[in-house]
Amino acid sequence: MKEHSKTNYSRYEKARKWLIFWTLFIGIGAVAGGLSMIIDPSGKALHMDAMLPFFQKLPFADVLFQNFLFSGIALLIVNGLTNLTAAVLLLRKKELGVALGGIFGITLMLWICIQFYMFPLNFMSTAFFIFGICQAATGYVAWTSRSER
């Protein structure tokens, strides 16, 4: 019986560590991208200015999407600060970090679904959708194995 719980603890710890990786990777990237869009709302610094017309498919495009300011703020909050918060909770070994880490993987997939609607199929959106799947799956494994530690 001890061997069984040792295996589950190991599975939990591995999943928690991978979830820390995903939350930091997504969180730091989103903070960097969001701040870049806030600092240069034209999108020229990131070579994103040609993408702005694709945003016209969205509701309130004439108000919110004349530049990248709103998108930068949204990215910073929705995928940046949230994931970094989950990473801190995971590093402190709080169960809430496990739940939030998995939920924010789903949030990333939903965010990318909006990009799938707006943009032609592209490598970056597809890659980040897969990252969201990995994050959500890792959160699920950590969540389901946490009680068996």
C-alpha atoms as a PDB file:
ATOM      1  CA  MET A   1       0.000   0.000   0.000  1.00  0.00           C
ATOM      2  CA  LYS A   2       2.845   2.389   0.773  1.00  0.00           C
ATOM      3  CA  GLU A   3       4.305   1.842  -2.694  1.00  0.00           C
ATOM      4  CA  HIS A   4       0.969   2.840  -4.238  1.00  0.00           C
ATOM      5  CA  SER A   5       0.749   6.156  -2.355  1.00  0.00           C
ATOM      6  CA  LYS A   6       4.424   6.868  -3.104  1.00  0.00           C
ATOM      7  CA  THR A   7       3.671   6.504  -6.835  1.00  0.00           C
ATOM      8  CA  ASN A   8       0.675   8.839  -6.576  1.00  0.00           C
ATOM      9  CA  TYR A   9       2.662  11.418  -4.613  1.00  0.00           C
ATOM     10  CA  SER A  10       5.312  11.305  -7.286  1.00  0.00           C
ATOM     11  CA  ARG A  11       2.637  11.782  -9.978  1.00  0.00           C
ATOM     12  CA  TYR A  12       1.226  14.754  -8.069  1.00  0.00           C
ATOM     13  CA  GLU A  13       4.652  16.357  -7.599  1.00  0.00           C
ATOM     14  CA  LYS A  14       5.584  15.861 -11.258  1.00  0.00           C
ATOM     15  CA  ALA A  15       2.273  17.336 -12.405  1.00  0.00           C
ATOM     16  CA  ARG A  16       2.595  20.251  -9.964  1.00  0.00           C
ATOM     17  CA  LYS A  17       6.093  21.031 -11.225  1.00  0.00           C
ATOM     18  CA  TRP A  18       4.947  20.892 -14.853  1.00  0.00           C
ATOM     19  CA  LEU A  19       2.019  23.124 -13.948  1.00  0.00           C
ATOM     20  CA  ILE A  20       4.469  25.616 -12.425  1.00  0.00           C
ATOM     21  CA  PHE A  21       6.343  25.545 -15.741  1.00  0.00           C
ATOM     22  CA  TRP A  22       3.184  26.161 -17.796  1.00  0.00           C
ATOM     23  CA  THR A  23       1.889  28.960 -15.569  1.00  0.00           C
ATOM     24  CA  LEU A  24       5.261  30.726 -15.609  1.00  0.00           C
ATOM     25  CA  PHE A  25       5.778  30.202 -19.355  1.00  0.00           C
ATOM     26  CA  ILE A  26       2.310  31.469 -20.302  1.00  0.00           C
ATOM     27  CA  GLY A  27       2.235  34.149 -17.596  1.00  0.00           C
ATOM     28  CA  ILE A  28       5.618  35.701 -18.351  1.00  0.00           C
ATOM     29  CA  GLY A  29       4.959  35.597 -22.100  1.00  0.00           C
ATOM     30  CA  ALA A  30       1.546  37.218 -21.690  1.00  0.00           C
ATOM     31  CA  VAL A  31       2.905  39.939 -19.405  1.00  0.00           C
ATOM     32  CA  ALA A  32       5.681  40.700 -21.911  1.00  0.00           C
ATOM     33  CA  GLY A  33       3.262  40.736 -24.847  1.00  0.00           C
ATOM     34  CA  GLY A  34       0.621  42.739 -22.998  1.00  0.00           C
ATOM     35  CA  LEU A  35       3.091  45.359 -21.783  1.00  0.00           C
ATOM     36  CA  SER A  36       4.549  45.633 -25.297  1.00  0.00           C
ATOM     37  CA  MET A  37       1.088  46.353 -26.702  1.00  0.00           C
ATOM     38  CA  ILE A  38       0.393  48.900 -23.952  1.00  0.00           C
ATOM     39  CA  ILE A  39       3.732  50.650 -24.485  1.00  0.00           C
ATOM     40  CA  ASP A  40       3.282  50.725 -28.285  1.00  0.00           C
ATOM     41  CA  PRO A  41      -0.452  50.477 -29.053  1.00  0.00           C
ATOM     42  CA  SER A  42       0.258  50.856 -32.793  1.00  0.00           C
ATOM     43  CA  GLY A  43       1.726  47.356 -32.844  1.00  0.00           C
ATOM     44  CA  LYS A  44       4.654  48.444 -35.007  1.00  0.00           C
ATOM     45  CA  ALA A  45       7.331  47.447 -32.474  1.00  0.00           C
ATOM     46  CA  LEU A  46       6.053  43.863 -32.476  1.00  0.00           C
ATOM     47  CA  HIS A  47       5.316  43.938 -36.235  1.00  0.00           C
ATOM     48  CA  MET A  48       1.638  43.393 -35.435  1.00  0.00           C
ATOM     49  CA  ASP A  49       0.203  46.510 -37.095  1.00  0.00           C
ATOM     50  CA  ALA A  50      -0.876  44.509 -40.160  1.00  0.00           C
ATOM     51  CA  MET A  51      -3.077  42.358 -37.896  1.00  0.00           C
ATOM     52  CA  LEU A  52      -5.253  45.230 -36.695  1.00  0.00           C
ATOM     53  CA  PRO A  53      -7.788  44.939 -39.568  1.00  0.00           C
ATOM     54  CA  PHE A  54      -8.552  41.363 -38.437  1.00  0.00           C
ATOM     55  CA  PHE A  55      -9.842  42.782 -35.134  1.00  0.00           C
ATOM     56  CA  GLN A  56     -12.675  44.485 -37.010  1.00  0.00           C
ATOM     57  CA  LYS A  57     -14.630  41.193 -36.839  1.00  0.00           C
ATOM     58  CA  LEU A  58     -15.067  41.662 -33.096  1.00  0.00           C
ATOM     59  CA  PRO A  59     -17.910  43.455 -31.307  1.00  0.00           C
ATOM     60  CA  PHE A  60     -17.167  47.091 -30.410  1.00  0.00           C
ATOM     61  CA  ALA A  61     -14.258  47.094 -32.892  1.00  0.00           C
ATOM     62  CA  ASP A  62     -14.818  50.770 -33.661  1.00  0.00           C
ATOM     63  CA  VAL A  63     -14.247  51.622 -29.987  1.00  0.00           C
ATOM     64  CA  LEU A  64     -11.920  48.994 -28.509  1.00  0.00           C
ATOM     65  CA  PHE A  65      -9.804  47.836 -31.422  1.00  0.00           C
ATOM     66  CA  GLN A  66      -8.507  50.925 -33.177  1.00  0.00           C
ATOM     67  CA  ASN A  67      -5.110  50.032 -31.694  1.00  0.00           C
ATOM     68  CA  PHE A  68      -3.690  47.336 -29.398  1.00  0.00           C
ATOM     69  CA  LEU A  69      -4.174  49.096 -26.059  1.00  0.00           C
ATOM     70  CA  PHE A  70      -7.305  47.194 -25.020  1.00  0.00           C
ATOM     71  CA  SER A  71      -5.854  43.890 -26.307  1.00  0.00           C
ATOM     72  CA  GLY A  72      -2.660  44.491 -24.334  1.00  0.00           C
ATOM     73  CA  ILE A  73      -4.560  45.204 -21.125  1.00  0.00           C
ATOM     74  CA  ALA A  74      -6.762  42.144 -21.666  1.00  0.00           C
ATOM     75  CA  LEU A  75      -3.760  39.894 -22.383  1.00  0.00           C
ATOM     76  CA  LEU A  76      -1.929  41.210 -19.338  1.00  0.00           C
ATOM     77  CA  ILE A  77      -4.889  40.513 -17.053  1.00  0.00           C
ATOM     78  CA  VAL A  78      -6.499  37.406 -18.579  1.00  0.00           C
ATOM     79  CA  ASN A  79      -3.395  35.341 -19.340  1.00  0.00           C
ATOM     80  CA  GLY A  80      -0.530  37.173 -17.621  1.00  0.00           C
ATOM     81  CA  LEU A  81      -1.350  38.161 -14.064  1.00  0.00           C
ATOM     82  CA  THR A  82      -3.695  35.209 -13.583  1.00  0.00           C
ATOM     83  CA  ASN A  83      -1.067  32.627 -14.532  1.00  0.00           C
ATOM     84  CA  LEU A  84       1.600  34.332 -12.446  1.00  0.00           C
ATOM     85  CA  THR A  85      -0.779  34.287  -9.475  1.00  0.00           C
ATOM     86  CA  ALA A  86      -1.353  30.560 -10.002  1.00  0.00           C
ATOM     87  CA  ALA A  87       2.435  30.030 -10.231  1.00  0.00           C
ATOM     88  CA  VAL A  88       2.986  31.767  -6.889  1.00  0.00           C
ATOM     89  CA  LEU A  89       0.260  29.649  -5.281  1.00  0.00           C
ATOM     90  CA  LEU A  90       1.784  26.493  -6.764  1.00  0.00           C
ATOM     91  CA  LEU A  91       5.236  27.448  -5.507  1.00  0.00           C
ATOM     92  CA  ARG A  92       3.707  27.915  -2.046  1.00  0.00           C
ATOM     93  CA  LYS A  93       2.082  24.461  -2.435  1.00  0.00           C
ATOM     94  CA  LYS A  94      -1.462  25.783  -2.134  1.00  0.00           C
ATOM     95  CA  GLU A  95      -4.229  23.589  -3.566  1.00  0.00           C
ATOM     96  CA  LEU A  96      -5.884  26.640  -5.085  1.00  0.00           C
ATOM     97  CA  GLY A  97      -2.844  26.978  -7.354  1.00  0.00           C
ATOM     98  CA  VAL A  98      -3.515  23.525  -8.807  1.00  0.00           C
ATOM     99  CA  ALA A  99      -7.151  24.366  -9.538  1.00  0.00           C
ATOM    100  CA  LEU A 100      -6.352  27.785 -10.983  1.00  0.00           C
ATOM    101  CA  GLY A 101      -3.455  26.444 -13.042  1.00  0.00           C
ATOM    102  CA  GLY A 102      -5.793  23.997 -14.778  1.00  0.00           C
ATOM    103  CA  ILE A 103      -8.568  26.556 -15.192  1.00  0.00           C
ATOM    104  CA  PHE A 104      -6.165  29.061 -16.742  1.00  0.00           C
ATOM    105  CA  GLY A 105      -5.162  26.418 -19.302  1.00  0.00           C
ATOM    106  CA  ILE A 106      -8.823  26.329 -20.340  1.00  0.00           C
ATOM    107  CA  THR A 107      -8.869  30.141 -20.332  1.00  0.00           C
ATOM    108  CA  LEU A 108      -5.911  30.148 -22.726  1.00  0.00           C
ATOM    109  CA  MET A 109      -7.722  27.744 -25.072  1.00  0.00           C
ATOM    110  CA  LEU A 110     -10.788  30.017 -25.061  1.00  0.00           C
ATOM    111  CA  TRP A 111      -8.561  33.044 -25.759  1.00  0.00           C
ATOM    112  CA  ILE A 112      -7.016  31.212 -28.715  1.00  0.00           C
ATOM    113  CA  CYS A 113     -10.476  30.224 -30.013  1.00  0.00           C
ATOM    114  CA  ILE A 114     -11.118  33.964 -30.425  1.00  0.00           C
ATOM    115  CA  GLN A 115      -7.877  34.178 -32.406  1.00  0.00           C
ATOM    116  CA  PHE A 116      -8.969  31.222 -34.563  1.00  0.00           C
ATOM    117  CA  TYR A 117     -12.126  33.205 -35.366  1.00  0.00           C
ATOM    118  CA  MET A 118     -10.220  36.408 -36.161  1.00  0.00           C
ATOM    119  CA  PHE A 119      -7.063  35.268 -37.947  1.00  0.00           C
ATOM    120  CA  PRO A 120      -6.271  32.780 -40.676  1.00  0.00           C
ATOM    121  CA  LEU A 121      -4.894  29.493 -39.339  1.00  0.00           C
ATOM    122  CA  ASN A 122      -1.341  30.095 -38.123  1.00  0.00           C
ATOM    123  CA  PHE A 123       1.451  28.372 -36.231  1.00  0.00           C
ATOM    124  CA  MET A 124       1.460  30.630 -33.149  1.00  0.00           C
ATOM    125  CA  SER A 125      -2.245  30.346 -32.373  1.00  0.00           C
ATOM    126  CA  THR A 126      -2.172  26.592 -32.917  1.00  0.00           C
ATOM    127  CA  ALA A 127       0.921  26.197 -30.714  1.00  0.00           C
ATOM    128  CA  PHE A 128      -0.615  28.216 -27.874  1.00  0.00           C
ATOM    129  CA  PHE A 129      -3.863  26.250 -28.131  1.00  0.00           C
ATOM    130  CA  ILE A 130      -1.790  23.089 -27.654  1.00  0.00           C
ATOM    131  CA  PHE A 131       0.016  24.748 -24.724  1.00  0.00           C
ATOM    132  CA  GLY A 132      -3.416  25.438 -23.199  1.00  0.00           C
ATOM    133  CA  ILE A 133      -4.359  21.774 -23.608  1.00  0.00           C
ATOM    134  CA  CYS A 134      -1.089  20.753 -21.929  1.00  0.00           C
ATOM    135  CA  GLN A 135      -1.646  23.187 -19.076  1.00  0.00           C
ATOM    136  CA  ALA A 136      -5.255  22.095 -18.517  1.00  0.00           C
ATOM    137  CA  ALA A 137      -4.318  18.397 -18.693  1.00  0.00           C
ATOM    138  CA  THR A 138      -1.437  18.894 -16.264  1.00  0.00           C
ATOM    139  CA  GLY A 139      -3.786  20.716 -13.901  1.00  0.00           C
ATOM    140  CA  TYR A 140      -6.246  17.832 -14.158  1.00  0.00           C
ATOM    141  CA  VAL A 141      -3.575  15.243 -13.338  1.00  0.00           C
ATOM    142  CA  ALA A 142      -2.331  17.289 -10.390  1.00  0.00           C
ATOM    143  CA  TRP A 143      -5.888  17.855  -9.142  1.00  0.00           C
ATOM    144  CA  THR A 144      -6.935  14.210  -9.358  1.00  0.00           C
ATOM    145  CA  SER A 145      -3.739  12.884  -7.763  1.00  0.00           C
ATOM    146  CA  ARG A 146      -3.505  15.483  -4.979  1.00  0.00           C
ATOM    147  CA  SER A 147      -5.721  13.591  -2.544  1.00  0.00           C
ATOM    148  CA  GLU A 148      -3.694  10.398  -2.991  1.00  0.00           C
ATOM    149  CA  ARG A 149      -0.414  11.996  -1.833  1.00  0.00           C
END
